Amino acid sequence: MSPHHSSLAGLLHRVTSVLASVGSGNLKAQSFAAQAVAAVLAWILIYAGYWLTFLNQYVLATGRFKFPYPLAATLIQLTVSAALYTTLLAISRLWRPDSSDRYQPLSSWNQHDGAASIGSVLEESRQRHSKGPTPAVIIQRIHSWGKQYIMLALVLCAKLYFSNCSLAYSDAHNYELAEIIAASLLMTYTIAHANDELSSLSITTFLIATMNAFFADIKPNIRLPWEVILSLVFSCLLSAAFPAILIRAYGFHAEPATTWSQRSEDGDLAPALNHVSLTERLRISLELLRNAVLLSLLLVLTLFIVTGEILSVWRNYYFLGDQSFILIMAASGGLTALTICSTLLLVQATSPLFVVFVPVMKILWRLWWYDSKLDGMSHIRVVVGGLAGLWFSGSGSWP
């Protein structure tokens, strides 16, 4: 091998090592490069969430289209997302890692940093019957795995649908307020169940950021019909629950790539996943997202046909073949796929609480850069909330 190819392979190995280190859930204990990758993922989620909200609001409620069919918009977003995930998964399967990155036998995990293939896992389970799962445990695991998939698909399609409903029948500010309330709800749940894992400083900075974002973004004399209020409530609850359900489903989906002996006593997959290669982890993530989106697409398509909305859309809207409409909806679907994927990657690197807190930083960033109607007090709230949010984000002390 030439020196040029050798140096290139070494650089690629270093980059993959950094990316593979992102995902332990303890951001404070990771390297600076891994923390930088997590910060980039957070900014991707902020930008993707902002433009997704903007495009959905433009198509569903404003602009020249005014397409008030949230279920149809959800169907289009899931279709584009499924196509993108399927394409990326097919491309990832063409990847052939270098021999140094191939899976190593499980017996050599203590000497090397290799990963375990599914075949080696099965071989070890045959050799270690006493440590392997019994058939009853396997059936129970399959049942739990199926429940996780169905739960993830239901939450995903419901989250997208109620978010689109909120943007179609109300202002984007109301949807942003629901995101802030979702972060507050998850923080309340975390405080009640974290067993003092959160410091008082983290709780204080979180409350300062969310309260300042809420009062800076709220508008006076808000009057909403009960349908919009119901959509905002469901959107709030589902946004708070989605990251935790997503990472739990990822853990169940990643079970074949790990061993029973590598897990902690409470079944935590994090120690075992540290031995799985980056290529395998990316493939696991793409498979999970593709399968969840396809199942969600099937559910939404069934509702789209049963409710008769397909006939209403076909009869009443002549611009379905308009190039600009197709381009905007394709971009909306691509941003949806990017948002879901970045959510999964970021929740692996940090925690569900931090992922739900990211929209709060998005709102503060939008108010600072794009809202020219803020008064002096609102500017102070945005600055104070932004500083508190940066402190909370940089602390890395999330359960």
Protein backbone atom coordinates (compact mmCIF):
# COMPACT_ATOMS: atom_id res chain seq x y z
CA MET A 1 0.00 0.00 0.00
CA SER A 2 1.35 3.43 -0.93
CA PRO A 3 2.12 6.01 1.80
CA HIS A 4 -0.69 8.21 0.47
CA HIS A 5 -3.28 5.46 0.84
CA SER A 6 -1.85 4.50 4.23
CA SER A 7 -2.19 8.04 5.57
CA LEU A 8 -5.71 8.29 4.14
CA ALA A 9 -6.69 5.02 5.80
CA GLY A 10 -5.22 6.23 9.09
CA LEU A 11 -7.17 9.48 8.89
CA LEU A 12 -10.38 7.60 8.13
CA HIS A 13 -9.76 5.29 11.07
CA ARG A 14 -9.31 8.27 13.42
CA VAL A 15 -12.50 9.91 12.18
CA THR A 16 -14.51 6.71 12.62
CA SER A 17 -13.04 6.26 16.10
CA VAL A 18 -14.23 9.72 17.09
CA LEU A 19 -17.70 9.10 15.68
CA ALA A 20 -17.90 5.71 17.34
CA SER A 21 -17.10 7.29 20.71
CA VAL A 22 -20.22 9.42 20.43
CA GLY A 23 -22.98 7.41 22.00
CA SER A 24 -21.98 6.52 25.51
CA GLY A 25 -24.59 8.91 26.89
CA ASN A 26 -22.02 10.53 29.19
CA LEU A 27 -20.95 13.52 27.15
CA LYS A 28 -18.80 14.95 29.91
CA ALA A 29 -16.60 11.86 29.94
CA GLN A 30 -16.05 11.86 26.19
CA SER A 31 -13.23 13.46 24.25
CA PHE A 32 -13.35 17.01 22.95
CA ALA A 33 -13.82 15.71 19.39
CA ALA A 34 -16.81 13.61 20.46
CA GLN A 35 -18.31 16.62 22.23
CA ALA A 36 -17.80 18.67 19.05
CA VAL A 37 -19.65 16.02 17.02
CA ALA A 38 -22.54 16.13 19.50
CA ALA A 39 -22.62 19.94 19.22
CA VAL A 40 -22.76 19.67 15.42
CA LEU A 41 -25.65 17.21 15.70
CA ALA A 42 -27.48 19.65 17.97
CA TRP A 43 -27.05 22.49 15.46
CA ILE A 44 -28.23 20.23 12.64
CA LEU A 45 -31.34 19.44 14.68
CA ILE A 46 -31.89 23.16 15.35
CA TYR A 47 -31.58 24.19 11.70
CA ALA A 48 -33.58 21.22 10.39
CA GLY A 49 -36.34 21.83 12.93
CA TYR A 50 -36.51 25.52 12.10
CA TRP A 51 -36.78 25.04 8.33
CA LEU A 52 -39.18 22.12 8.73
CA THR A 53 -41.51 24.30 10.81
CA PHE A 54 -41.19 27.13 8.29
CA LEU A 55 -41.97 24.94 5.26
CA ASN A 56 -44.87 23.16 6.93
CA GLN A 57 -46.38 26.47 8.05
CA TYR A 58 -45.94 27.88 4.55
CA VAL A 59 -47.60 24.94 2.80
CA LEU A 60 -50.35 24.18 5.31
CA ALA A 61 -51.48 27.64 6.42
CA THR A 62 -49.85 30.47 4.48
CA GLY A 63 -48.39 31.13 1.06
CA ARG A 64 -50.21 30.44 -2.16
CA PHE A 65 -51.00 26.79 -1.48
CA LYS A 66 -52.84 26.71 1.87
CA PHE A 67 -53.02 22.93 1.86
CA PRO A 68 -55.07 22.20 5.02
CA TYR A 69 -54.64 18.43 4.99
CA PRO A 70 -52.22 17.46 7.79
CA LEU A 71 -52.75 13.75 7.20
CA ALA A 72 -51.78 14.06 3.53
CA ALA A 73 -48.74 16.14 4.48
CA THR A 74 -47.73 13.50 7.02
CA LEU A 75 -48.11 10.80 4.37
CA ILE A 76 -45.84 12.69 1.96
CA GLN A 77 -43.22 13.31 4.64
CA LEU A 78 -43.14 9.65 5.65
CA THR A 79 -42.95 8.53 2.01
CA VAL A 80 -39.93 10.72 1.29
CA SER A 81 -38.30 9.69 4.58
CA ALA A 82 -38.81 5.99 3.83
CA ALA A 83 -37.27 6.42 0.37
CA LEU A 84 -34.24 8.24 1.80
CA TYR A 85 -33.64 5.72 4.59
CA THR A 86 -33.98 2.79 2.18
CA THR A 87 -31.47 4.38 -0.20
CA LEU A 88 -28.99 5.16 2.57
CA LEU A 89 -29.32 1.65 3.97
CA ALA A 90 -28.62 0.16 0.54
CA ILE A 91 -25.55 2.39 0.20
CA SER A 92 -24.31 1.45 3.68
CA ARG A 93 -24.48 -2.24 2.79
CA LEU A 94 -22.10 -1.60 -0.09
CA TRP A 95 -19.53 -0.33 2.38
CA ARG A 96 -16.71 -2.77 2.97
CA PRO A 97 -14.69 -1.74 6.01
CA ASP A 98 -10.95 -2.23 6.17
CA SER A 99 -9.66 -5.44 7.68
CA SER A 100 -8.72 -3.57 10.86
CA ASP A 101 -12.36 -2.59 11.31
CA ARG A 102 -13.84 -6.03 10.73
CA TYR A 103 -15.57 -7.91 13.48
CA GLN A 104 -13.33 -9.78 15.88
CA PRO A 105 -14.21 -12.90 17.90
CA LEU A 106 -15.81 -12.20 21.22
CA SER A 107 -12.98 -13.86 23.07
CA SER A 108 -10.60 -11.16 21.79
CA TRP A 109 -12.65 -8.19 22.96
CA ASN A 110 -10.44 -7.74 26.00
CA GLN A 111 -7.35 -7.47 23.81
CA HIS A 112 -8.70 -5.53 20.82
CA ASP A 113 -11.19 -2.82 20.02
CA GLY A 114 -12.93 -4.87 17.38
CA ALA A 115 -16.64 -5.58 17.15
CA ALA A 116 -18.75 -8.70 17.14
CA SER A 117 -20.71 -9.94 14.18
CA ILE A 118 -24.05 -11.59 14.53
CA GLY A 119 -22.46 -14.90 13.49
CA SER A 120 -19.88 -14.72 16.28
CA VAL A 121 -22.63 -13.88 18.76
CA LEU A 122 -24.55 -16.98 17.73
CA GLU A 123 -21.39 -19.09 17.92
CA GLU A 124 -20.65 -17.92 21.43
CA SER A 125 -24.24 -18.48 22.51
CA ARG A 126 -23.95 -22.08 21.33
CA GLN A 127 -20.73 -22.54 23.30
CA ARG A 128 -22.08 -20.92 26.45
CA HIS A 129 -25.50 -22.43 27.02
CA SER A 130 -25.44 -21.50 30.66
CA LYS A 131 -25.07 -17.79 29.85
CA GLY A 132 -27.30 -17.70 26.79
CA PRO A 133 -31.03 -16.98 26.77
CA THR A 134 -33.56 -19.77 27.04
CA PRO A 135 -36.30 -20.18 24.40
CA ALA A 136 -38.82 -18.60 26.78
CA VAL A 137 -36.56 -15.58 27.18
CA ILE A 138 -36.13 -15.36 23.40
CA ILE A 139 -39.92 -15.38 22.89
CA GLN A 140 -40.30 -12.71 25.56
CA ARG A 141 -37.61 -10.61 23.87
CA ILE A 142 -39.31 -10.91 20.48
CA HIS A 143 -42.60 -9.88 22.05
CA SER A 144 -40.96 -6.89 23.72
CA TRP A 145 -39.15 -5.99 20.49
CA GLY A 146 -42.43 -6.02 18.57
CA LYS A 147 -44.10 -3.82 21.17
CA GLN A 148 -41.23 -1.34 20.94
CA TYR A 149 -41.54 -1.18 17.15
CA ILE A 150 -45.30 -0.68 17.22
CA MET A 151 -45.02 1.93 19.97
CA LEU A 152 -42.31 3.81 18.06
CA ALA A 153 -44.32 3.78 14.82
CA LEU A 154 -47.48 4.98 16.57
CA VAL A 155 -45.68 7.78 18.38
CA LEU A 156 -43.81 8.82 15.23
CA CYS A 157 -46.83 9.11 12.96
CA ALA A 158 -48.95 10.71 15.70
CA LYS A 159 -46.19 13.22 16.49
CA LEU A 160 -45.88 14.25 12.84
CA TYR A 161 -49.64 14.41 12.36
CA PHE A 162 -50.40 16.54 15.43
CA SER A 163 -47.44 18.79 14.66
CA ASN A 164 -48.84 19.36 11.17
CA CYS A 165 -52.30 19.98 12.65
CA SER A 166 -50.86 22.58 15.00
CA LEU A 167 -49.12 24.36 12.13
CA ALA A 168 -52.11 24.10 9.78
CA TYR A 169 -54.72 25.58 12.11
CA SER A 170 -52.70 27.91 14.34
CA ASP A 171 -49.66 30.15 14.36
CA ALA A 172 -46.13 28.76 14.55
CA HIS A 173 -45.65 30.58 17.86
CA ASN A 174 -48.24 28.32 19.48
CA TYR A 175 -46.39 25.25 18.22
CA GLU A 176 -43.15 26.61 19.66
CA LEU A 177 -44.83 27.16 23.01
CA ALA A 178 -45.88 23.50 22.94
CA GLU A 179 -42.23 22.52 22.38
CA ILE A 180 -41.19 24.55 25.42
CA ILE A 181 -43.91 22.93 27.52
CA ALA A 182 -42.76 19.49 26.29
CA ALA A 183 -39.25 20.19 27.57
CA SER A 184 -40.66 21.34 30.91
CA LEU A 185 -42.78 18.20 31.24
CA LEU A 186 -39.81 15.92 30.60
CA MET A 187 -37.70 17.87 33.09
CA THR A 188 -40.46 17.44 35.70
CA TYR A 189 -40.55 13.71 35.03
CA THR A 190 -36.75 13.53 35.18
CA ILE A 191 -36.59 15.36 38.50
CA ALA A 192 -39.15 12.95 39.94
CA HIS A 193 -37.32 9.82 38.76
CA ALA A 194 -33.63 10.76 38.41
CA ASN A 195 -32.70 10.02 42.04
CA ASP A 196 -30.65 13.23 42.49
CA GLU A 197 -28.69 12.69 39.26
CA LEU A 198 -29.45 16.28 38.21
CA SER A 199 -27.63 19.05 40.02
CA SER A 200 -29.47 22.08 41.32
CA LEU A 201 -27.46 24.28 38.95
CA SER A 202 -28.60 22.25 35.93
CA ILE A 203 -32.23 22.48 37.03
CA THR A 204 -31.90 26.22 37.62
CA THR A 205 -30.33 26.97 34.24
CA PHE A 206 -32.93 24.78 32.53
CA LEU A 207 -35.79 26.66 34.18
CA ILE A 208 -34.24 30.05 33.40
CA ALA A 209 -33.84 29.13 29.72
CA THR A 210 -37.34 27.67 29.28
CA MET A 211 -39.17 30.41 31.19
CA ASN A 212 -37.40 33.21 29.33
CA ALA A 213 -38.03 31.49 25.99
CA PHE A 214 -41.71 31.02 26.87
CA PHE A 215 -42.37 34.62 27.92
CA ALA A 216 -40.31 36.05 25.05
CA ASP A 217 -42.21 34.01 22.45
CA ILE A 218 -45.76 34.18 23.80
CA LYS A 219 -48.17 36.59 22.13
CA PRO A 220 -51.00 38.51 23.87
CA ASN A 221 -54.68 37.73 23.40
CA ILE A 222 -54.25 34.16 22.15
CA ARG A 223 -57.58 32.59 21.20
CA LEU A 224 -57.58 29.06 19.89
CA PRO A 225 -60.38 26.60 19.06
CA TRP A 226 -60.51 23.40 21.04
CA GLU A 227 -59.26 21.32 18.08
CA VAL A 228 -56.03 23.33 17.95
CA ILE A 229 -55.62 23.14 21.72
CA LEU A 230 -56.05 19.37 21.58
CA SER A 231 -53.49 19.11 18.77
CA LEU A 232 -51.01 21.23 20.72
CA VAL A 233 -51.48 19.11 23.85
CA PHE A 234 -50.89 15.85 21.99
CA SER A 235 -47.96 17.35 20.10
CA CYS A 236 -46.47 18.46 23.40
CA LEU A 237 -46.83 15.05 25.05
CA LEU A 238 -45.54 13.11 22.03
CA SER A 239 -42.56 15.43 21.58
CA ALA A 240 -41.58 14.83 25.20
CA ALA A 241 -41.88 11.04 24.90
CA PHE A 242 -40.43 10.50 21.41
CA PRO A 243 -36.65 10.61 22.16
CA ALA A 244 -36.94 8.14 25.05
CA ILE A 245 -39.08 5.75 23.00
CA LEU A 246 -36.69 6.08 20.06
CA ILE A 247 -33.56 5.21 22.04
CA ARG A 248 -35.35 2.33 23.77
CA ALA A 249 -36.39 0.89 20.41
CA TYR A 250 -32.81 1.33 19.21
CA GLY A 251 -31.60 -0.73 22.16
CA PHE A 252 -34.02 -3.56 21.37
CA HIS A 253 -33.12 -3.43 17.67
CA ALA A 254 -29.40 -3.56 18.50
CA GLU A 255 -29.73 -6.75 20.56
CA PRO A 256 -28.53 -9.18 17.84
CA ALA A 257 -25.23 -7.24 17.54
CA THR A 258 -24.46 -7.63 21.26
CA THR A 259 -24.00 -10.47 23.68
CA TRP A 260 -25.78 -11.31 26.87
CA SER A 261 -22.48 -11.44 28.78
CA GLN A 262 -21.53 -7.89 27.71
CA ARG A 263 -24.60 -6.27 29.22
CA SER A 264 -24.99 -4.81 32.66
CA GLU A 265 -27.13 -6.53 35.25
CA ASP A 266 -30.13 -4.28 34.50
CA GLY A 267 -29.99 -5.13 30.79
CA ASP A 268 -28.32 -1.89 29.69
CA LEU A 269 -26.96 -2.19 26.15
CA ALA A 270 -24.52 0.73 26.36
CA PRO A 271 -21.47 -1.34 27.46
CA ALA A 272 -22.08 -3.91 24.72
CA LEU A 273 -22.69 -1.31 22.01
CA ASN A 274 -19.29 0.22 22.73
CA HIS A 275 -17.81 -2.93 21.15
CA VAL A 276 -19.90 -2.67 17.98
CA SER A 277 -18.20 -1.03 15.02
CA LEU A 278 -19.30 2.30 13.61
CA THR A 279 -20.46 0.70 10.36
CA GLU A 280 -22.65 -1.75 12.24
CA ARG A 281 -24.10 0.96 14.47
CA LEU A 282 -24.98 3.11 11.47
CA ARG A 283 -26.60 0.12 9.79
CA ILE A 284 -28.60 -0.63 12.95
CA SER A 285 -29.78 2.99 13.13
CA LEU A 286 -30.80 3.09 9.46
CA GLU A 287 -32.62 -0.24 9.72
CA LEU A 288 -34.52 0.95 12.77
CA LEU A 289 -35.52 4.24 11.14
CA ARG A 290 -36.50 2.61 7.86
CA ASN A 291 -38.66 -0.04 9.52
CA ALA A 292 -40.30 2.44 11.89
CA VAL A 293 -41.04 4.90 9.08
CA LEU A 294 -42.43 2.14 6.84
CA LEU A 295 -44.74 0.93 9.62
CA SER A 296 -45.82 4.52 10.31
CA LEU A 297 -46.39 5.02 6.59
CA LEU A 298 -48.64 1.96 6.50
CA LEU A 299 -50.70 3.27 9.41
CA VAL A 300 -51.07 6.77 7.93
CA LEU A 301 -51.89 5.40 4.47
CA THR A 302 -54.65 3.25 5.97
CA LEU A 303 -56.15 6.27 7.72
CA PHE A 304 -55.75 8.37 4.57
CA ILE A 305 -57.85 5.90 2.60
CA VAL A 306 -60.39 4.97 5.28
CA THR A 307 -61.22 8.56 6.23
CA GLY A 308 -61.78 9.50 2.59
CA GLU A 309 -59.26 12.33 2.69
CA ILE A 310 -57.65 10.97 -0.46
CA LEU A 311 -60.80 11.86 -2.43
CA SER A 312 -60.98 15.35 -0.92
CA VAL A 313 -57.37 16.08 -1.80
CA TRP A 314 -57.76 14.75 -5.32
CA ARG A 315 -60.93 16.73 -6.07
CA ASN A 316 -60.19 20.06 -4.41
CA TYR A 317 -56.53 20.73 -5.10
CA TYR A 318 -55.37 21.19 -8.65
CA PHE A 319 -51.75 22.10 -7.82
CA LEU A 320 -50.67 18.60 -6.73
CA GLY A 321 -48.62 18.39 -9.92
CA ASP A 322 -47.14 21.87 -9.51
CA GLN A 323 -43.35 21.73 -9.51
CA SER A 324 -42.93 24.19 -6.66
CA PHE A 325 -45.42 22.26 -4.50
CA ILE A 326 -43.63 18.98 -5.22
CA LEU A 327 -40.26 20.57 -4.45
CA ILE A 328 -41.45 22.05 -1.15
CA MET A 329 -43.05 18.80 0.00
CA ALA A 330 -39.94 16.84 -1.03
CA ALA A 331 -37.82 19.27 0.99
CA SER A 332 -40.22 18.88 3.91
CA GLY A 333 -39.89 15.10 3.73
CA GLY A 334 -36.10 15.34 3.54
CA LEU A 335 -36.00 17.64 6.57
CA THR A 336 -38.30 15.24 8.41
CA ALA A 337 -35.89 12.38 7.71
CA LEU A 338 -32.94 14.54 8.79
CA THR A 339 -34.72 15.56 11.99
CA ILE A 340 -35.57 11.99 12.98
CA CYS A 341 -32.07 10.73 12.16
CA SER A 342 -30.31 13.55 14.01
CA THR A 343 -32.63 12.98 16.96
CA LEU A 344 -31.57 9.33 17.15
CA LEU A 345 -27.86 10.15 16.83
CA LEU A 346 -28.06 12.96 19.37
CA VAL A 347 -30.02 10.97 21.93
CA GLN A 348 -27.35 8.26 21.68
CA ALA A 349 -24.67 10.85 22.43
CA THR A 350 -26.51 12.74 25.16
CA SER A 351 -29.92 11.98 26.68
CA PRO A 352 -33.64 12.38 25.89
CA LEU A 353 -33.78 15.42 28.18
CA PHE A 354 -31.14 17.27 26.17
CA VAL A 355 -32.80 16.36 22.85
CA VAL A 356 -36.12 17.78 24.04
CA PHE A 357 -34.29 20.88 25.26
CA VAL A 358 -32.77 21.56 21.81
CA PRO A 359 -36.03 23.12 20.44
CA VAL A 360 -35.88 25.65 23.29
CA MET A 361 -32.47 26.77 22.01
CA LYS A 362 -33.93 26.82 18.49
CA ILE A 363 -36.68 29.19 19.62
CA LEU A 364 -34.20 31.50 21.37
CA TRP A 365 -31.98 31.49 18.30
CA ARG A 366 -34.92 32.31 16.02
CA LEU A 367 -36.10 35.14 18.24
CA TRP A 368 -32.62 36.66 18.29
CA TRP A 369 -31.91 36.48 14.56
CA TYR A 370 -35.27 36.61 12.81
CA ASP A 371 -37.80 38.39 15.01
CA SER A 372 -37.48 42.13 14.42
CA LYS A 373 -40.53 43.01 16.55
CA LEU A 374 -39.03 42.16 19.92
CA ASP A 375 -39.13 44.87 22.55
CA GLY A 376 -36.34 45.65 24.99
CA MET A 377 -37.55 43.29 27.72
CA SER A 378 -37.94 40.43 25.25
CA HIS A 379 -34.36 41.00 24.05
CA ILE A 380 -33.14 40.73 27.64
CA ARG A 381 -35.14 37.52 28.11
CA VAL A 382 -33.65 36.02 24.95
CA VAL A 383 -30.10 36.88 26.03
CA VAL A 384 -30.56 35.56 29.58
CA GLY A 385 -32.33 32.43 28.33
CA GLY A 386 -29.65 31.81 25.70
CA LEU A 387 -26.82 32.09 28.23
CA ALA A 388 -28.62 29.76 30.64
CA GLY A 389 -29.33 27.33 27.80
CA LEU A 390 -25.68 27.31 26.74
CA TRP A 391 -24.65 26.63 30.32
CA PHE A 392 -27.12 23.75 30.61
CA SER A 393 -26.05 22.34 27.23
CA GLY A 394 -22.36 22.55 28.08
CA SER A 395 -22.72 20.98 31.51
CA GLY A 396 -23.25 17.50 30.08
CA SER A 397 -24.84 16.34 33.35
CA TRP A 398 -28.09 14.83 32.12
CA PRO A 399 -29.51 11.53 33.41
